[in-house]
């Protein structure tokens, strides 16, 4: 069981690292975005979403200057953000359930990983549609961590 918990923590860490990497690629994509139309960027973002790469879709969409973002851009970005956060919240849920079955030393490590993921969501996706739930989940984790 400890081995499975470690695997899940590593998967969560890898997902966060992937998320950070995709955000960093945004700066690499920006010069190219000036040569693409909004429609071309939307097509690329839709393709990335279809290929289960919502982080990259967000990075591509974020290359569009704020003044040129249409309603279609906003809708696709919301879909991509919801997809990324949904994956992360599912990972937190899995880790939390596992933590409740672990001995205290392992439980604390797992809960700290949950807290880190939730704080990452709050920091990186402030426009997530159900942020209140994420903040509530973070408070639950912090209450568990505060227990002796």
C-alpha atoms as a PDB file:
ATOM      1  CA  UNK A   1       0.000   0.000   0.000  1.00  0.00           C
ATOM      2  CA  UNK A   2       2.889   2.365   0.749  1.00  0.00           C
ATOM      3  CA  UNK A   3       4.319   1.548  -2.669  1.00  0.00           C
ATOM      4  CA  UNK A   4       1.020   2.452  -4.370  1.00  0.00           C
ATOM      5  CA  UNK A   5       0.846   5.708  -2.398  1.00  0.00           C
ATOM      6  CA  UNK A   6       4.363   6.593  -3.490  1.00  0.00           C
ATOM      7  CA  UNK A   7       3.442   5.862  -7.098  1.00  0.00           C
ATOM      8  CA  UNK A   8       0.368   8.098  -6.853  1.00  0.00           C
ATOM      9  CA  UNK A   9       2.409  10.896  -5.254  1.00  0.00           C
ATOM     10  CA  UNK A  10       4.941  10.616  -8.062  1.00  0.00           C
ATOM     11  CA  UNK A  11       2.173  10.736 -10.666  1.00  0.00           C
ATOM     12  CA  UNK A  12       0.743  13.848  -9.033  1.00  0.00           C
ATOM     13  CA  UNK A  13       4.199  15.425  -8.975  1.00  0.00           C
ATOM     14  CA  UNK A  14       4.720  14.535 -12.627  1.00  0.00           C
ATOM     15  CA  UNK A  15       1.371  16.107 -13.510  1.00  0.00           C
ATOM     16  CA  UNK A  16       2.365  19.319 -11.734  1.00  0.00           C
ATOM     17  CA  UNK A  17       5.750  19.348 -13.433  1.00  0.00           C
ATOM     18  CA  UNK A  18       4.055  18.804 -16.786  1.00  0.00           C
ATOM     19  CA  UNK A  19       1.717  21.668 -16.028  1.00  0.00           C
ATOM     20  CA  UNK A  20       4.626  23.985 -15.180  1.00  0.00           C
ATOM     21  CA  UNK A  21       6.487  22.871 -18.303  1.00  0.00           C
ATOM     22  CA  UNK A  22       3.492  23.623 -20.483  1.00  0.00           C
ATOM     23  CA  UNK A  23       3.126  27.057 -18.930  1.00  0.00           C
ATOM     24  CA  UNK A  24       6.797  27.725 -19.658  1.00  0.00           C
ATOM     25  CA  UNK A  25       6.364  26.669 -23.304  1.00  0.00           C
ATOM     26  CA  UNK A  26       3.942  29.530 -23.650  1.00  0.00           C
ATOM     27  CA  UNK A  27       6.901  31.913 -23.980  1.00  0.00           C
ATOM     28  CA  UNK A  28       8.355  29.720 -26.701  1.00  0.00           C
ATOM     29  CA  UNK A  29       5.085  29.803 -28.633  1.00  0.00           C
ATOM     30  CA  UNK A  30       4.508  33.570 -28.409  1.00  0.00           C
ATOM     31  CA  UNK A  31       6.609  34.710 -31.400  1.00  0.00           C
ATOM     32  CA  UNK A  32       4.878  32.167 -33.658  1.00  0.00           C
ATOM     33  CA  UNK A  33       1.456  33.302 -32.476  1.00  0.00           C
ATOM     34  CA  UNK A  34       2.032  36.743 -34.001  1.00  0.00           C
ATOM     35  CA  UNK A  35       2.109  35.076 -37.419  1.00  0.00           C
ATOM     36  CA  UNK A  36      -1.027  32.998 -36.824  1.00  0.00           C
ATOM     37  CA  UNK A  37      -4.595  34.158 -36.976  1.00  0.00           C
ATOM     38  CA  UNK A  38      -6.891  33.687 -34.016  1.00  0.00           C
ATOM     39  CA  UNK A  39      -8.669  30.975 -36.018  1.00  0.00           C
ATOM     40  CA  UNK A  40      -5.414  29.085 -36.554  1.00  0.00           C
ATOM     41  CA  UNK A  41      -4.578  29.286 -32.857  1.00  0.00           C
ATOM     42  CA  UNK A  42      -8.092  28.070 -32.031  1.00  0.00           C
ATOM     43  CA  UNK A  43      -7.687  25.140 -34.405  1.00  0.00           C
ATOM     44  CA  UNK A  44      -4.383  24.219 -32.785  1.00  0.00           C
ATOM     45  CA  UNK A  45      -5.899  24.512 -29.300  1.00  0.00           C
ATOM     46  CA  UNK A  46      -8.879  22.358 -30.285  1.00  0.00           C
ATOM     47  CA  UNK A  47      -6.538  19.714 -31.683  1.00  0.00           C
ATOM     48  CA  UNK A  48      -4.507  19.725 -28.479  1.00  0.00           C
ATOM     49  CA  UNK A  49      -7.687  19.358 -26.420  1.00  0.00           C
ATOM     50  CA  UNK A  50      -8.764  16.444 -28.607  1.00  0.00           C
ATOM     51  CA  UNK A  51      -5.368  14.833 -28.021  1.00  0.00           C
ATOM     52  CA  UNK A  52      -5.775  15.182 -24.243  1.00  0.00           C
ATOM     53  CA  UNK A  53      -3.182  17.958 -23.932  1.00  0.00           C
ATOM     54  CA  UNK A  54      -5.175  20.699 -22.213  1.00  0.00           C
ATOM     55  CA  UNK A  55      -2.079  22.262 -20.630  1.00  0.00           C
ATOM     56  CA  UNK A  56      -0.593  22.841 -24.059  1.00  0.00           C
ATOM     57  CA  UNK A  57      -3.938  24.129 -25.348  1.00  0.00           C
ATOM     58  CA  UNK A  58      -3.915  26.740 -22.576  1.00  0.00           C
ATOM     59  CA  UNK A  59      -0.352  27.741 -23.434  1.00  0.00           C
ATOM     60  CA  UNK A  60      -1.293  28.160 -27.100  1.00  0.00           C
ATOM     61  CA  UNK A  61      -4.457  30.127 -26.294  1.00  0.00           C
ATOM     62  CA  UNK A  62      -2.560  32.393 -23.928  1.00  0.00           C
ATOM     63  CA  UNK A  63      -0.390  33.554 -26.832  1.00  0.00           C
ATOM     64  CA  UNK A  64      -3.395  35.484 -28.141  1.00  0.00           C
ATOM     65  CA  UNK A  65      -3.258  39.046 -26.829  1.00  0.00           C
ATOM     66  CA  UNK A  66      -6.025  39.856 -24.353  1.00  0.00           C
ATOM     67  CA  UNK A  67      -7.600  42.388 -26.712  1.00  0.00           C
ATOM     68  CA  UNK A  68      -7.963  39.806 -29.502  1.00  0.00           C
ATOM     69  CA  UNK A  69      -9.538  37.050 -27.412  1.00  0.00           C
ATOM     70  CA  UNK A  70     -12.966  36.231 -28.750  1.00  0.00           C
ATOM     71  CA  UNK A  71     -15.771  34.418 -26.981  1.00  0.00           C
ATOM     72  CA  UNK A  72     -14.646  31.212 -28.731  1.00  0.00           C
ATOM     73  CA  UNK A  73     -11.153  31.623 -27.300  1.00  0.00           C
ATOM     74  CA  UNK A  74     -12.568  32.145 -23.810  1.00  0.00           C
ATOM     75  CA  UNK A  75     -14.831  29.086 -24.078  1.00  0.00           C
ATOM     76  CA  UNK A  76     -12.036  26.788 -25.244  1.00  0.00           C
ATOM     77  CA  UNK A  77      -9.707  28.115 -22.560  1.00  0.00           C
ATOM     78  CA  UNK A  78     -12.354  27.469 -19.890  1.00  0.00           C
ATOM     79  CA  UNK A  79     -12.768  23.928 -21.231  1.00  0.00           C
ATOM     80  CA  UNK A  80      -9.000  23.379 -21.123  1.00  0.00           C
ATOM     81  CA  UNK A  81      -8.676  24.810 -17.603  1.00  0.00           C
ATOM     82  CA  UNK A  82     -11.556  22.639 -16.389  1.00  0.00           C
ATOM     83  CA  UNK A  83      -9.894  19.595 -17.921  1.00  0.00           C
ATOM     84  CA  UNK A  84      -6.523  20.277 -16.282  1.00  0.00           C
ATOM     85  CA  UNK A  85      -8.028  21.080 -12.900  1.00  0.00           C
ATOM     86  CA  UNK A  86     -10.356  18.082 -13.126  1.00  0.00           C
ATOM     87  CA  UNK A  87      -7.359  15.786 -13.554  1.00  0.00           C
ATOM     88  CA  UNK A  88      -5.532  17.415 -10.681  1.00  0.00           C
ATOM     89  CA  UNK A  89      -8.560  17.265  -8.370  1.00  0.00           C
ATOM     90  CA  UNK A  90      -9.071  13.590  -9.202  1.00  0.00           C
ATOM     91  CA  UNK A  91      -5.448  12.964  -8.282  1.00  0.00           C
ATOM     92  CA  UNK A  92      -5.914  14.826  -4.993  1.00  0.00           C
ATOM     93  CA  UNK A  93      -9.026  12.794  -4.242  1.00  0.00           C
ATOM     94  CA  UNK A  94      -7.178   9.525  -4.870  1.00  0.00           C
ATOM     95  CA  UNK A  95      -4.278  10.614  -2.692  1.00  0.00           C
ATOM     96  CA  UNK A  96      -6.594  11.806   0.082  1.00  0.00           C
ATOM     97  CA  UNK A  97      -8.513   8.518   0.182  1.00  0.00           C
ATOM     98  CA  UNK A  98      -5.242   6.610   0.314  1.00  0.00           C
ATOM     99  CA  UNK A  99      -3.883   8.930   3.024  1.00  0.00           C
ATOM    100  CA  UNK A 100      -6.787   8.107   5.308  1.00  0.00           C
ATOM    101  CA  UNK A 101      -5.699   4.441   5.224  1.00  0.00           C
ATOM    102  CA  UNK A 102      -2.001   5.069   5.857  1.00  0.00           C
ATOM    103  CA  UNK A 103       0.042   5.169   9.048  1.00  0.00           C
ATOM    104  CA  UNK A 104       0.647   8.721  10.370  1.00  0.00           C
ATOM    105  CA  UNK A 105       4.141   9.200   8.899  1.00  0.00           C
ATOM    106  CA  UNK A 106       3.069   8.277   5.372  1.00  0.00           C
ATOM    107  CA  UNK A 107      -0.294   9.974   5.785  1.00  0.00           C
ATOM    108  CA  UNK A 108       1.366  13.333   6.449  1.00  0.00           C
ATOM    109  CA  UNK A 109       3.531  13.063   3.326  1.00  0.00           C
ATOM    110  CA  UNK A 110       0.549  12.203   1.188  1.00  0.00           C
ATOM    111  CA  UNK A 111      -1.535  15.044   2.637  1.00  0.00           C
ATOM    112  CA  UNK A 112       1.306  17.496   2.010  1.00  0.00           C
ATOM    113  CA  UNK A 113       1.322  16.394  -1.630  1.00  0.00           C
ATOM    114  CA  UNK A 114      -2.445  17.015  -1.780  1.00  0.00           C
ATOM    115  CA  UNK A 115      -1.944  20.473  -0.292  1.00  0.00           C
ATOM    116  CA  UNK A 116       0.786  21.287  -2.813  1.00  0.00           C
ATOM    117  CA  UNK A 117      -1.409  20.281  -5.756  1.00  0.00           C
ATOM    118  CA  UNK A 118      -4.376  22.314  -4.501  1.00  0.00           C
ATOM    119  CA  UNK A 119      -2.208  25.385  -3.892  1.00  0.00           C
ATOM    120  CA  UNK A 120      -0.849  24.954  -7.427  1.00  0.00           C
ATOM    121  CA  UNK A 121      -4.393  24.956  -8.808  1.00  0.00           C
ATOM    122  CA  UNK A 122      -5.226  28.149  -6.915  1.00  0.00           C
ATOM    123  CA  UNK A 123      -2.046  29.852  -8.096  1.00  0.00           C
ATOM    124  CA  UNK A 124      -2.003  28.677 -11.721  1.00  0.00           C
ATOM    125  CA  UNK A 125      -5.731  28.600 -12.518  1.00  0.00           C
ATOM    126  CA  UNK A 126      -7.375  31.483 -10.638  1.00  0.00           C
ATOM    127  CA  UNK A 127     -10.123  31.618 -13.265  1.00  0.00           C
ATOM    128  CA  UNK A 128     -11.238  28.003 -12.630  1.00  0.00           C
ATOM    129  CA  UNK A 129     -15.034  27.925 -12.519  1.00  0.00           C
ATOM    130  CA  UNK A 130     -15.363  26.039  -9.208  1.00  0.00           C
ATOM    131  CA  UNK A 131     -12.535  27.616  -7.233  1.00  0.00           C
ATOM    132  CA  UNK A 132     -14.663  27.633  -4.071  1.00  0.00           C
ATOM    133  CA  UNK A 133     -14.576  23.822  -4.046  1.00  0.00           C
ATOM    134  CA  UNK A 134     -10.816  23.786  -4.496  1.00  0.00           C
ATOM    135  CA  UNK A 135     -10.383  26.177  -1.572  1.00  0.00           C
ATOM    136  CA  UNK A 136     -12.758  24.076   0.535  1.00  0.00           C
ATOM    137  CA  UNK A 137     -10.732  20.943  -0.301  1.00  0.00           C
ATOM    138  CA  UNK A 138      -7.556  22.775   0.697  1.00  0.00           C
ATOM    139  CA  UNK A 139      -9.096  23.669   4.063  1.00  0.00           C
ATOM    140  CA  UNK A 140     -10.029  19.997   4.586  1.00  0.00           C
ATOM    141  CA  UNK A 141      -6.458  18.939   3.861  1.00  0.00           C
ATOM    142  CA  UNK A 142      -5.077  21.601   6.198  1.00  0.00           C
ATOM    143  CA  UNK A 143      -7.454  20.468   8.964  1.00  0.00           C
ATOM    144  CA  UNK A 144      -6.209  16.896   8.562  1.00  0.00           C
ATOM    145  CA  UNK A 145      -2.605  18.099   8.641  1.00  0.00           C
ATOM    146  CA  UNK A 146      -3.294  20.037  11.853  1.00  0.00           C
ATOM    147  CA  UNK A 147      -4.511  16.929  13.648  1.00  0.00           C
ATOM    148  CA  UNK A 148      -1.929  15.427  16.028  1.00  0.00           C
END
